[in-house]
Amino acid sequence: MKDLSLGKPTNYPNTYDSDLLVPIDRLESRSNKGVDNPIQRMYGVDAWTSYELSWLDSKSIPKNGILYLTYNASSKNFIESKSLKLYLNSLNNTKFSSREILISTLQEDLDNCTQSKVSIEILQSPKTIEESFFSIDSTSIENVSSEVNSLVLKTQDEFIEEKVSSSLFRSLCPVTSQPDWATVGIEYQGLKIIHETLLSYLLSYRNHQGFHEECVERIFFDILKRCQPESITVRANFLRRGGIEINPIRSTVKEFNRELFRSERQ
């Protein structure tokens, strides 16, 4: 944590510097959170959107686009978010003779950081908004635990297939304690999860400190353990900070829907 750029005064770079990217070891992160061997039943991706990608063409004319990058949850590392912002800012005054060379540079740097293959797209317009989840935000609940508590999760004796979401989710950055807001979507088959208990559980993250990826994995494993669905996919669409949105997805289904979409609040 002490080596991360989060929470430190920052001089924004004027020249390209791939060393600005900071990797975080997934296994160490999972071990610190008490998740030692999650890979056997978990598939997933970390999908990132940066709305502030900008560079110079061969004539020093500024160009910009929306950067979409995705890499597997089984990668050795995930990227520390502020370091990605600083790295992308270092491209602002850098000349690239073609878009292909820009993408090649991004590819090499991001692959090296994550120690995996990163999928990269540069588009001129945002992805579509997904509206197929049923919001449980109006569900009446009695109270919310001040700490994350999976014991509140309950099921009833009814087999169901449903897609539910909550846009009330908040967690805290583990370094700066700044709030991170997200819409969490849960798609599952199994005994019906009682919505009151699910909302109460999600809201208990309100003062929990954890990276976006860590929070989604904990939600995934807590529901898997407590409710034992036949299949489950958990995704979180975090609101952007510094022009960057992070959208982790975790699933028991190998061929889960990998399509990156925006929530209405994004």
C-alpha atoms as a PDB file:
ATOM      1  CA  MET A   1       0.000   0.000   0.000  1.00  0.00           C
ATOM      2  CA  LYS A   2       2.770   2.457   0.881  1.00  0.00           C
ATOM      3  CA  ASP A   3       4.131   2.227  -2.672  1.00  0.00           C
ATOM      4  CA  LEU A   4       0.821   3.124  -4.369  1.00  0.00           C
ATOM      5  CA  SER A   5       0.307   6.549  -5.914  1.00  0.00           C
ATOM      6  CA  LEU A   6      -3.138   6.795  -4.303  1.00  0.00           C
ATOM      7  CA  GLY A   7      -3.307   9.407  -1.566  1.00  0.00           C
ATOM      8  CA  LYS A   8      -0.014  11.045  -2.498  1.00  0.00           C
ATOM      9  CA  PRO A   9       0.572  14.513  -3.990  1.00  0.00           C
ATOM     10  CA  THR A  10       0.865  14.105  -7.742  1.00  0.00           C
ATOM     11  CA  ASN A  11       2.853  15.822 -10.463  1.00  0.00           C
ATOM     12  CA  TYR A  12       1.071  15.034 -13.679  1.00  0.00           C
ATOM     13  CA  PRO A  13       3.490  13.792 -16.351  1.00  0.00           C
ATOM     14  CA  ASN A  14       4.233  15.707 -19.544  1.00  0.00           C
ATOM     15  CA  THR A  15       6.023  12.857 -21.304  1.00  0.00           C
ATOM     16  CA  TYR A  16       5.197   9.226 -21.954  1.00  0.00           C
ATOM     17  CA  ASP A  17       6.232   6.918 -19.102  1.00  0.00           C
ATOM     18  CA  SER A  18       5.168   3.271 -18.935  1.00  0.00           C
ATOM     19  CA  ASP A  19       6.731   2.946 -15.478  1.00  0.00           C
ATOM     20  CA  LEU A  20       3.811   4.949 -14.062  1.00  0.00           C
ATOM     21  CA  LEU A  21       1.653   1.803 -14.214  1.00  0.00           C
ATOM     22  CA  VAL A  22       1.482   0.070 -10.821  1.00  0.00           C
ATOM     23  CA  PRO A  23       0.471  -3.618 -10.593  1.00  0.00           C
ATOM     24  CA  ILE A  24      -1.251  -5.145  -7.548  1.00  0.00           C
ATOM     25  CA  ASP A  25      -0.711  -8.859  -7.005  1.00  0.00           C
ATOM     26  CA  ARG A  26      -4.075 -10.680  -7.068  1.00  0.00           C
ATOM     27  CA  LEU A  27      -3.061 -13.653  -4.938  1.00  0.00           C
ATOM     28  CA  GLU A  28      -1.630 -11.413  -2.246  1.00  0.00           C
ATOM     29  CA  SER A  29      -4.756  -9.254  -2.346  1.00  0.00           C
ATOM     30  CA  ARG A  30      -7.038 -12.294  -2.058  1.00  0.00           C
ATOM     31  CA  SER A  31      -4.969 -13.784   0.729  1.00  0.00           C
ATOM     32  CA  ASN A  32      -5.171 -10.518   2.677  1.00  0.00           C
ATOM     33  CA  LYS A  33      -8.970 -10.634   2.312  1.00  0.00           C
ATOM     34  CA  GLY A  34      -9.203 -14.288   3.367  1.00  0.00           C
ATOM     35  CA  VAL A  35      -9.874 -15.660  -0.130  1.00  0.00           C
ATOM     36  CA  ASP A  36      -7.007 -18.089  -0.640  1.00  0.00           C
ATOM     37  CA  ASN A  37      -8.066 -20.338  -3.533  1.00  0.00           C
ATOM     38  CA  PRO A  38     -10.978 -18.843  -5.453  1.00  0.00           C
ATOM     39  CA  ILE A  39     -10.042 -19.778  -8.989  1.00  0.00           C
ATOM     40  CA  GLN A  40     -11.584 -23.269  -9.047  1.00  0.00           C
ATOM     41  CA  ARG A  41     -15.147 -21.954  -9.240  1.00  0.00           C
ATOM     42  CA  MET A  42     -14.653 -18.441 -10.529  1.00  0.00           C
ATOM     43  CA  TYR A  43     -14.359 -16.905 -13.965  1.00  0.00           C
ATOM     44  CA  GLY A  44     -14.378 -13.222 -14.680  1.00  0.00           C
ATOM     45  CA  VAL A  45     -12.916 -10.068 -16.151  1.00  0.00           C
ATOM     46  CA  ASP A  46     -11.987  -6.583 -15.071  1.00  0.00           C
ATOM     47  CA  ALA A  47     -13.382  -4.166 -17.635  1.00  0.00           C
ATOM     48  CA  TRP A  48     -12.196  -0.552 -17.599  1.00  0.00           C
ATOM     49  CA  THR A  49     -13.449   2.511 -19.460  1.00  0.00           C
ATOM     50  CA  SER A  50     -11.381   5.681 -19.741  1.00  0.00           C
ATOM     51  CA  TYR A  51     -13.137   8.703 -21.197  1.00  0.00           C
ATOM     52  CA  GLU A  52      -9.987  10.850 -21.211  1.00  0.00           C
ATOM     53  CA  LEU A  53      -7.685   9.086 -23.651  1.00  0.00           C
ATOM     54  CA  SER A  54      -5.840  11.719 -25.701  1.00  0.00           C
ATOM     55  CA  TRP A  55      -2.678  11.768 -27.817  1.00  0.00           C
ATOM     56  CA  LEU A  56      -1.014  13.687 -30.675  1.00  0.00           C
ATOM     57  CA  ASP A  57      -0.917  12.611 -34.299  1.00  0.00           C
ATOM     58  CA  SER A  58       2.168  12.978 -36.491  1.00  0.00           C
ATOM     59  CA  LYS A  59       1.329  16.675 -37.059  1.00  0.00           C
ATOM     60  CA  SER A  60       0.971  17.331 -33.293  1.00  0.00           C
ATOM     61  CA  ILE A  61      -2.808  17.623 -33.642  1.00  0.00           C
ATOM     62  CA  PRO A  62      -4.627  16.334 -30.509  1.00  0.00           C
ATOM     63  CA  LYS A  63      -6.811  13.254 -30.944  1.00  0.00           C
ATOM     64  CA  ASN A  64      -9.011  11.573 -28.385  1.00  0.00           C
ATOM     65  CA  GLY A  65     -11.251   8.569 -27.875  1.00  0.00           C
ATOM     66  CA  ILE A  66     -12.879   6.335 -25.274  1.00  0.00           C
ATOM     67  CA  LEU A  67     -10.547   3.550 -24.200  1.00  0.00           C
ATOM     68  CA  TYR A  68     -12.021   0.159 -23.312  1.00  0.00           C
ATOM     69  CA  LEU A  69      -9.660  -2.389 -21.820  1.00  0.00           C
ATOM     70  CA  THR A  70     -10.497  -5.824 -20.437  1.00  0.00           C
ATOM     71  CA  TYR A  71      -8.404  -8.573 -18.863  1.00  0.00           C
ATOM     72  CA  ASN A  72      -9.148 -11.840 -17.090  1.00  0.00           C
ATOM     73  CA  ALA A  73      -9.691 -12.143 -13.359  1.00  0.00           C
ATOM     74  CA  SER A  74      -7.060 -14.891 -13.446  1.00  0.00           C
ATOM     75  CA  SER A  75      -4.323 -12.438 -14.433  1.00  0.00           C
ATOM     76  CA  LYS A  76      -1.338 -12.265 -12.113  1.00  0.00           C
ATOM     77  CA  ASN A  77      -1.925  -8.570 -11.382  1.00  0.00           C
ATOM     78  CA  PHE A  78      -4.643  -5.978 -11.559  1.00  0.00           C
ATOM     79  CA  ILE A  79      -3.940  -2.306 -12.186  1.00  0.00           C
ATOM     80  CA  GLU A  80      -3.975   0.350  -9.481  1.00  0.00           C
ATOM     81  CA  SER A  81      -6.489   2.883 -10.784  1.00  0.00           C
ATOM     82  CA  LYS A  82      -4.639   6.158 -10.152  1.00  0.00           C
ATOM     83  CA  SER A  83      -1.541   4.781 -11.815  1.00  0.00           C
ATOM     84  CA  LEU A  84      -3.582   4.086 -14.959  1.00  0.00           C
ATOM     85  CA  LYS A  85      -4.834   7.666 -14.948  1.00  0.00           C
ATOM     86  CA  LEU A  86      -1.274   9.020 -14.630  1.00  0.00           C
ATOM     87  CA  TYR A  87      -0.038   6.674 -17.341  1.00  0.00           C
ATOM     88  CA  LEU A  88      -2.788   7.729 -19.759  1.00  0.00           C
ATOM     89  CA  ASN A  89      -2.063  11.393 -18.991  1.00  0.00           C
ATOM     90  CA  SER A  90       1.557  10.770 -19.995  1.00  0.00           C
ATOM     91  CA  LEU A  91       0.295  10.061 -23.521  1.00  0.00           C
ATOM     92  CA  ASN A  92      -1.376  13.470 -23.884  1.00  0.00           C
ATOM     93  CA  ASN A  93       1.650  15.192 -25.431  1.00  0.00           C
ATOM     94  CA  THR A  94       3.131  12.145 -27.147  1.00  0.00           C
ATOM     95  CA  LYS A  95       3.136  11.793 -30.948  1.00  0.00           C
ATOM     96  CA  PHE A  96       1.941   8.583 -32.573  1.00  0.00           C
ATOM     97  CA  SER A  97       2.159   8.276 -36.336  1.00  0.00           C
ATOM     98  CA  SER A  98      -0.918   6.039 -36.420  1.00  0.00           C
ATOM     99  CA  ARG A  99      -3.694   4.711 -34.214  1.00  0.00           C
ATOM    100  CA  GLU A 100      -2.231   1.237 -34.684  1.00  0.00           C
ATOM    101  CA  ILE A 101       1.068   2.280 -33.086  1.00  0.00           C
ATOM    102  CA  LEU A 102      -0.819   3.854 -30.178  1.00  0.00           C
ATOM    103  CA  ILE A 103      -2.752   0.621 -29.628  1.00  0.00           C
ATOM    104  CA  SER A 104       0.442  -1.419 -29.908  1.00  0.00           C
ATOM    105  CA  THR A 105       2.078   0.752 -27.224  1.00  0.00           C
ATOM    106  CA  LEU A 106      -0.933   0.407 -24.925  1.00  0.00           C
ATOM    107  CA  GLN A 107      -1.000  -3.333 -25.553  1.00  0.00           C
ATOM    108  CA  GLU A 108       2.615  -3.884 -24.594  1.00  0.00           C
ATOM    109  CA  ASP A 109       2.491  -1.696 -21.485  1.00  0.00           C
ATOM    110  CA  LEU A 110      -0.807  -3.047 -20.124  1.00  0.00           C
ATOM    111  CA  ASP A 111       0.127  -6.668 -20.867  1.00  0.00           C
ATOM    112  CA  ASN A 112       3.370  -6.169 -18.948  1.00  0.00           C
ATOM    113  CA  CYS A 113       1.564  -4.599 -15.994  1.00  0.00           C
ATOM    114  CA  THR A 114      -1.125  -7.268 -15.654  1.00  0.00           C
ATOM    115  CA  GLN A 115       1.086 -10.132 -16.842  1.00  0.00           C
ATOM    116  CA  SER A 116      -1.774 -11.192 -19.109  1.00  0.00           C
ATOM    117  CA  LYS A 117      -3.361 -10.436 -22.465  1.00  0.00           C
ATOM    118  CA  VAL A 118      -5.399  -7.224 -22.367  1.00  0.00           C
ATOM    119  CA  SER A 119      -8.188  -6.602 -24.868  1.00  0.00           C
ATOM    120  CA  ILE A 120      -8.151  -3.004 -26.140  1.00  0.00           C
ATOM    121  CA  GLU A 121     -10.716  -0.932 -28.041  1.00  0.00           C
ATOM    122  CA  ILE A 122     -10.730   2.790 -28.828  1.00  0.00           C
ATOM    123  CA  LEU A 123     -14.177   4.106 -29.751  1.00  0.00           C
ATOM    124  CA  GLN A 124     -15.719   7.530 -30.289  1.00  0.00           C
ATOM    125  CA  SER A 125     -18.987   6.871 -28.432  1.00  0.00           C
ATOM    126  CA  PRO A 126     -19.908   5.124 -25.170  1.00  0.00           C
ATOM    127  CA  LYS A 127     -21.345   1.621 -24.919  1.00  0.00           C
ATOM    128  CA  THR A 128     -25.103   1.135 -24.627  1.00  0.00           C
ATOM    129  CA  ILE A 129     -26.964   1.264 -21.317  1.00  0.00           C
ATOM    130  CA  GLU A 130     -28.172  -2.042 -19.829  1.00  0.00           C
ATOM    131  CA  GLU A 131     -31.658  -1.950 -18.322  1.00  0.00           C
ATOM    132  CA  SER A 132     -32.579  -5.618 -17.943  1.00  0.00           C
ATOM    133  CA  PHE A 133     -31.934  -5.951 -14.188  1.00  0.00           C
ATOM    134  CA  PHE A 134     -34.724  -5.539 -11.641  1.00  0.00           C
ATOM    135  CA  SER A 135     -33.831  -2.911  -9.022  1.00  0.00           C
ATOM    136  CA  ILE A 136     -34.312  -3.914  -5.379  1.00  0.00           C
ATOM    137  CA  ASP A 137     -33.547  -0.400  -4.099  1.00  0.00           C
ATOM    138  CA  SER A 138     -37.133   0.277  -3.019  1.00  0.00           C
ATOM    139  CA  THR A 139     -37.211  -2.876  -0.885  1.00  0.00           C
ATOM    140  CA  SER A 140     -38.057  -2.122   2.747  1.00  0.00           C
ATOM    141  CA  ILE A 141     -35.422  -3.230   5.271  1.00  0.00           C
ATOM    142  CA  GLU A 142     -35.193  -2.838   9.038  1.00  0.00           C
ATOM    143  CA  ASN A 143     -31.518  -2.030   9.553  1.00  0.00           C
ATOM    144  CA  VAL A 144     -28.041  -2.218   8.029  1.00  0.00           C
ATOM    145  CA  SER A 145     -24.984  -3.680   9.713  1.00  0.00           C
ATOM    146  CA  SER A 146     -22.047  -1.318  10.269  1.00  0.00           C
ATOM    147  CA  GLU A 147     -19.747  -4.097   9.016  1.00  0.00           C
ATOM    148  CA  VAL A 148     -20.035  -6.480   6.062  1.00  0.00           C
ATOM    149  CA  ASN A 149     -22.168  -9.362   7.278  1.00  0.00           C
ATOM    150  CA  SER A 150     -22.946 -12.283   4.953  1.00  0.00           C
ATOM    151  CA  LEU A 151     -24.977 -14.011   7.679  1.00  0.00           C
ATOM    152  CA  VAL A 152     -27.958 -11.814   6.817  1.00  0.00           C
ATOM    153  CA  LEU A 153     -28.299 -13.524   3.411  1.00  0.00           C
ATOM    154  CA  LYS A 154     -31.324 -15.845   3.345  1.00  0.00           C
ATOM    155  CA  THR A 155     -33.146 -17.885   0.715  1.00  0.00           C
ATOM    156  CA  GLN A 156     -36.673 -19.233   0.450  1.00  0.00           C
ATOM    157  CA  ASP A 157     -37.860 -22.568  -0.912  1.00  0.00           C
ATOM    158  CA  GLU A 158     -38.519 -21.452  -4.480  1.00  0.00           C
ATOM    159  CA  PHE A 159     -36.243 -22.178  -7.437  1.00  0.00           C
ATOM    160  CA  ILE A 160     -35.857 -19.091  -9.598  1.00  0.00           C
ATOM    161  CA  GLU A 161     -33.792 -17.459 -12.333  1.00  0.00           C
ATOM    162  CA  GLU A 162     -33.525 -13.704 -11.927  1.00  0.00           C
ATOM    163  CA  LYS A 163     -31.397 -10.607 -12.508  1.00  0.00           C
ATOM    164  CA  VAL A 164     -31.466  -8.027  -9.708  1.00  0.00           C
ATOM    165  CA  SER A 165     -29.494  -4.877  -9.047  1.00  0.00           C
ATOM    166  CA  SER A 166     -28.874  -2.133  -6.524  1.00  0.00           C
ATOM    167  CA  SER A 167     -27.560   1.363  -7.235  1.00  0.00           C
ATOM    168  CA  LEU A 168     -27.182   2.141  -3.528  1.00  0.00           C
ATOM    169  CA  PHE A 169     -23.837   0.370  -3.209  1.00  0.00           C
ATOM    170  CA  ARG A 170     -20.957   2.285  -1.668  1.00  0.00           C
ATOM    171  CA  SER A 171     -17.534   1.157  -0.478  1.00  0.00           C
ATOM    172  CA  LEU A 172     -14.365   3.039   0.483  1.00  0.00           C
ATOM    173  CA  CYS A 173     -10.957   3.187  -1.142  1.00  0.00           C
ATOM    174  CA  PRO A 174      -8.572   1.140   1.053  1.00  0.00           C
ATOM    175  CA  VAL A 175      -5.880   3.827   0.779  1.00  0.00           C
ATOM    176  CA  THR A 176      -7.638   7.218   0.772  1.00  0.00           C
ATOM    177  CA  SER A 177     -11.030   6.227   2.291  1.00  0.00           C
ATOM    178  CA  GLN A 178     -12.763   8.145  -0.503  1.00  0.00           C
ATOM    179  CA  PRO A 179     -16.201   6.722  -1.383  1.00  0.00           C
ATOM    180  CA  ASP A 180     -16.684   4.554  -4.453  1.00  0.00           C
ATOM    181  CA  TRP A 181     -20.248   4.270  -5.804  1.00  0.00           C
ATOM    182  CA  ALA A 182     -21.568   1.460  -7.977  1.00  0.00           C
ATOM    183  CA  THR A 183     -24.571  -0.316  -9.383  1.00  0.00           C
ATOM    184  CA  VAL A 184     -24.219  -3.992  -8.483  1.00  0.00           C
ATOM    185  CA  GLY A 185     -25.981  -6.522 -10.710  1.00  0.00           C
ATOM    186  CA  ILE A 186     -26.538 -10.140  -9.670  1.00  0.00           C
ATOM    187  CA  GLU A 187     -27.770 -12.804 -12.084  1.00  0.00           C
ATOM    188  CA  TYR A 188     -28.354 -16.291 -10.690  1.00  0.00           C
ATOM    189  CA  GLN A 189     -30.229 -19.592 -10.845  1.00  0.00           C
ATOM    190  CA  GLY A 190     -31.152 -21.290  -7.593  1.00  0.00           C
ATOM    191  CA  LEU A 191     -33.230 -20.863  -4.481  1.00  0.00           C
ATOM    192  CA  LYS A 192     -34.697 -17.369  -4.422  1.00  0.00           C
ATOM    193  CA  ILE A 193     -32.540 -14.949  -2.460  1.00  0.00           C
ATOM    194  CA  ILE A 194     -34.830 -12.884  -0.236  1.00  0.00           C
ATOM    195  CA  HIS A 195     -34.455  -9.344  -1.556  1.00  0.00           C
ATOM    196  CA  GLU A 196     -34.586  -7.724   1.877  1.00  0.00           C
ATOM    197  CA  THR A 197     -31.580  -9.756   3.002  1.00  0.00           C
ATOM    198  CA  LEU A 198     -29.655  -9.164  -0.222  1.00  0.00           C
ATOM    199  CA  LEU A 199     -30.135  -5.392  -0.073  1.00  0.00           C
ATOM    200  CA  SER A 200     -29.195  -5.329   3.595  1.00  0.00           C
ATOM    201  CA  TYR A 201     -26.030  -7.279   2.784  1.00  0.00           C
ATOM    202  CA  LEU A 202     -25.010  -4.991  -0.094  1.00  0.00           C
ATOM    203  CA  LEU A 203     -25.593  -1.862   1.981  1.00  0.00           C
ATOM    204  CA  SER A 204     -23.337  -3.205   4.744  1.00  0.00           C
ATOM    205  CA  TYR A 205     -20.379  -2.360   2.468  1.00  0.00           C
ATOM    206  CA  ARG A 206     -21.034   1.338   3.015  1.00  0.00           C
ATOM    207  CA  ASN A 207     -17.971   1.836   5.226  1.00  0.00           C
ATOM    208  CA  HIS A 208     -15.978  -1.172   4.035  1.00  0.00           C
ATOM    209  CA  GLN A 209     -12.517  -0.474   2.626  1.00  0.00           C
ATOM    210  CA  GLY A 210     -11.582  -2.486  -0.429  1.00  0.00           C
ATOM    211  CA  PHE A 211     -10.573  -2.192  -4.055  1.00  0.00           C
ATOM    212  CA  HIS A 212     -13.399  -2.554  -6.568  1.00  0.00           C
ATOM    213  CA  GLU A 213     -12.187  -6.002  -7.620  1.00  0.00           C
ATOM    214  CA  GLU A 214     -11.931  -7.197  -4.015  1.00  0.00           C
ATOM    215  CA  CYS A 215     -15.470  -6.062  -3.178  1.00  0.00           C
ATOM    216  CA  VAL A 216     -17.001  -7.857  -6.155  1.00  0.00           C
ATOM    217  CA  GLU A 217     -15.128 -11.065  -5.387  1.00  0.00           C
ATOM    218  CA  ARG A 218     -16.266 -10.982  -1.772  1.00  0.00           C
ATOM    219  CA  ILE A 219     -19.891 -10.458  -2.825  1.00  0.00           C
ATOM    220  CA  PHE A 220     -19.537 -13.338  -5.275  1.00  0.00           C
ATOM    221  CA  PHE A 221     -18.098 -15.776  -2.729  1.00  0.00           C
ATOM    222  CA  ASP A 222     -20.383 -14.721   0.133  1.00  0.00           C
ATOM    223  CA  ILE A 223     -23.525 -15.335  -1.944  1.00  0.00           C
ATOM    224  CA  LEU A 224     -22.072 -18.567  -3.319  1.00  0.00           C
ATOM    225  CA  LYS A 225     -21.361 -19.836   0.193  1.00  0.00           C
ATOM    226  CA  ARG A 226     -24.529 -18.656   1.938  1.00  0.00           C
ATOM    227  CA  CYS A 227     -27.135 -19.187  -0.812  1.00  0.00           C
ATOM    228  CA  GLN A 228     -25.523 -21.970  -2.872  1.00  0.00           C
ATOM    229  CA  PRO A 229     -27.015 -21.007  -6.251  1.00  0.00           C
ATOM    230  CA  GLU A 230     -26.543 -23.372  -9.178  1.00  0.00           C
ATOM    231  CA  SER A 231     -24.981 -20.506 -11.106  1.00  0.00           C
ATOM    232  CA  ILE A 232     -24.245 -16.860 -10.377  1.00  0.00           C
ATOM    233  CA  THR A 233     -22.692 -13.841 -12.064  1.00  0.00           C
ATOM    234  CA  VAL A 234     -21.909 -10.670 -10.129  1.00  0.00           C
ATOM    235  CA  ARG A 235     -20.983  -7.440 -11.870  1.00  0.00           C
ATOM    236  CA  ALA A 236     -20.422  -3.941 -10.545  1.00  0.00           C
ATOM    237  CA  ASN A 237     -20.511  -0.778 -12.607  1.00  0.00           C
ATOM    238  CA  PHE A 238     -18.541   1.745 -10.559  1.00  0.00           C
ATOM    239  CA  LEU A 239     -19.009   5.441 -11.230  1.00  0.00           C
ATOM    240  CA  ARG A 240     -16.046   7.109 -12.842  1.00  0.00           C
ATOM    241  CA  ARG A 241     -13.268   8.771 -10.919  1.00  0.00           C
ATOM    242  CA  GLY A 242     -10.636  10.696 -12.832  1.00  0.00           C
ATOM    243  CA  GLY A 243     -12.467   9.859 -16.039  1.00  0.00           C
ATOM    244  CA  ILE A 244     -12.159   6.102 -15.435  1.00  0.00           C
ATOM    245  CA  GLU A 245     -14.893   3.544 -14.723  1.00  0.00           C
ATOM    246  CA  ILE A 246     -14.038   0.087 -13.377  1.00  0.00           C
ATOM    247  CA  ASN A 247     -16.464  -2.773 -14.023  1.00  0.00           C
ATOM    248  CA  PRO A 248     -15.423  -6.109 -12.459  1.00  0.00           C
ATOM    249  CA  ILE A 249     -17.425  -9.243 -13.343  1.00  0.00           C
ATOM    250  CA  ARG A 250     -17.188 -12.606 -11.559  1.00  0.00           C
ATOM    251  CA  SER A 251     -19.114 -15.760 -12.494  1.00  0.00           C
ATOM    252  CA  THR A 252     -19.427 -19.505 -11.951  1.00  0.00           C
ATOM    253  CA  VAL A 253     -20.262 -19.797 -15.660  1.00  0.00           C
ATOM    254  CA  LYS A 254     -17.259 -20.195 -17.920  1.00  0.00           C
ATOM    255  CA  GLU A 255     -19.079 -18.699 -20.908  1.00  0.00           C
ATOM    256  CA  PHE A 256     -20.647 -15.780 -19.031  1.00  0.00           C
ATOM    257  CA  ASN A 257     -21.738 -12.629 -20.861  1.00  0.00           C
ATOM    258  CA  ARG A 258     -18.516 -10.651 -21.260  1.00  0.00           C
ATOM    259  CA  GLU A 259     -20.192  -7.706 -22.958  1.00  0.00           C
ATOM    260  CA  LEU A 260     -19.302  -4.444 -21.247  1.00  0.00           C
ATOM    261  CA  PHE A 261     -22.262  -2.129 -20.852  1.00  0.00           C
ATOM    262  CA  ARG A 262     -23.031   0.997 -18.858  1.00  0.00           C
ATOM    263  CA  SER A 263     -25.466   1.275 -15.999  1.00  0.00           C
ATOM    264  CA  GLU A 264     -27.973   4.110 -16.177  1.00  0.00           C
ATOM    265  CA  ARG A 265     -26.028   6.124 -13.604  1.00  0.00           C
ATOM    266  CA  GLN A 266     -22.836   5.911 -15.660  1.00  0.00           C
END
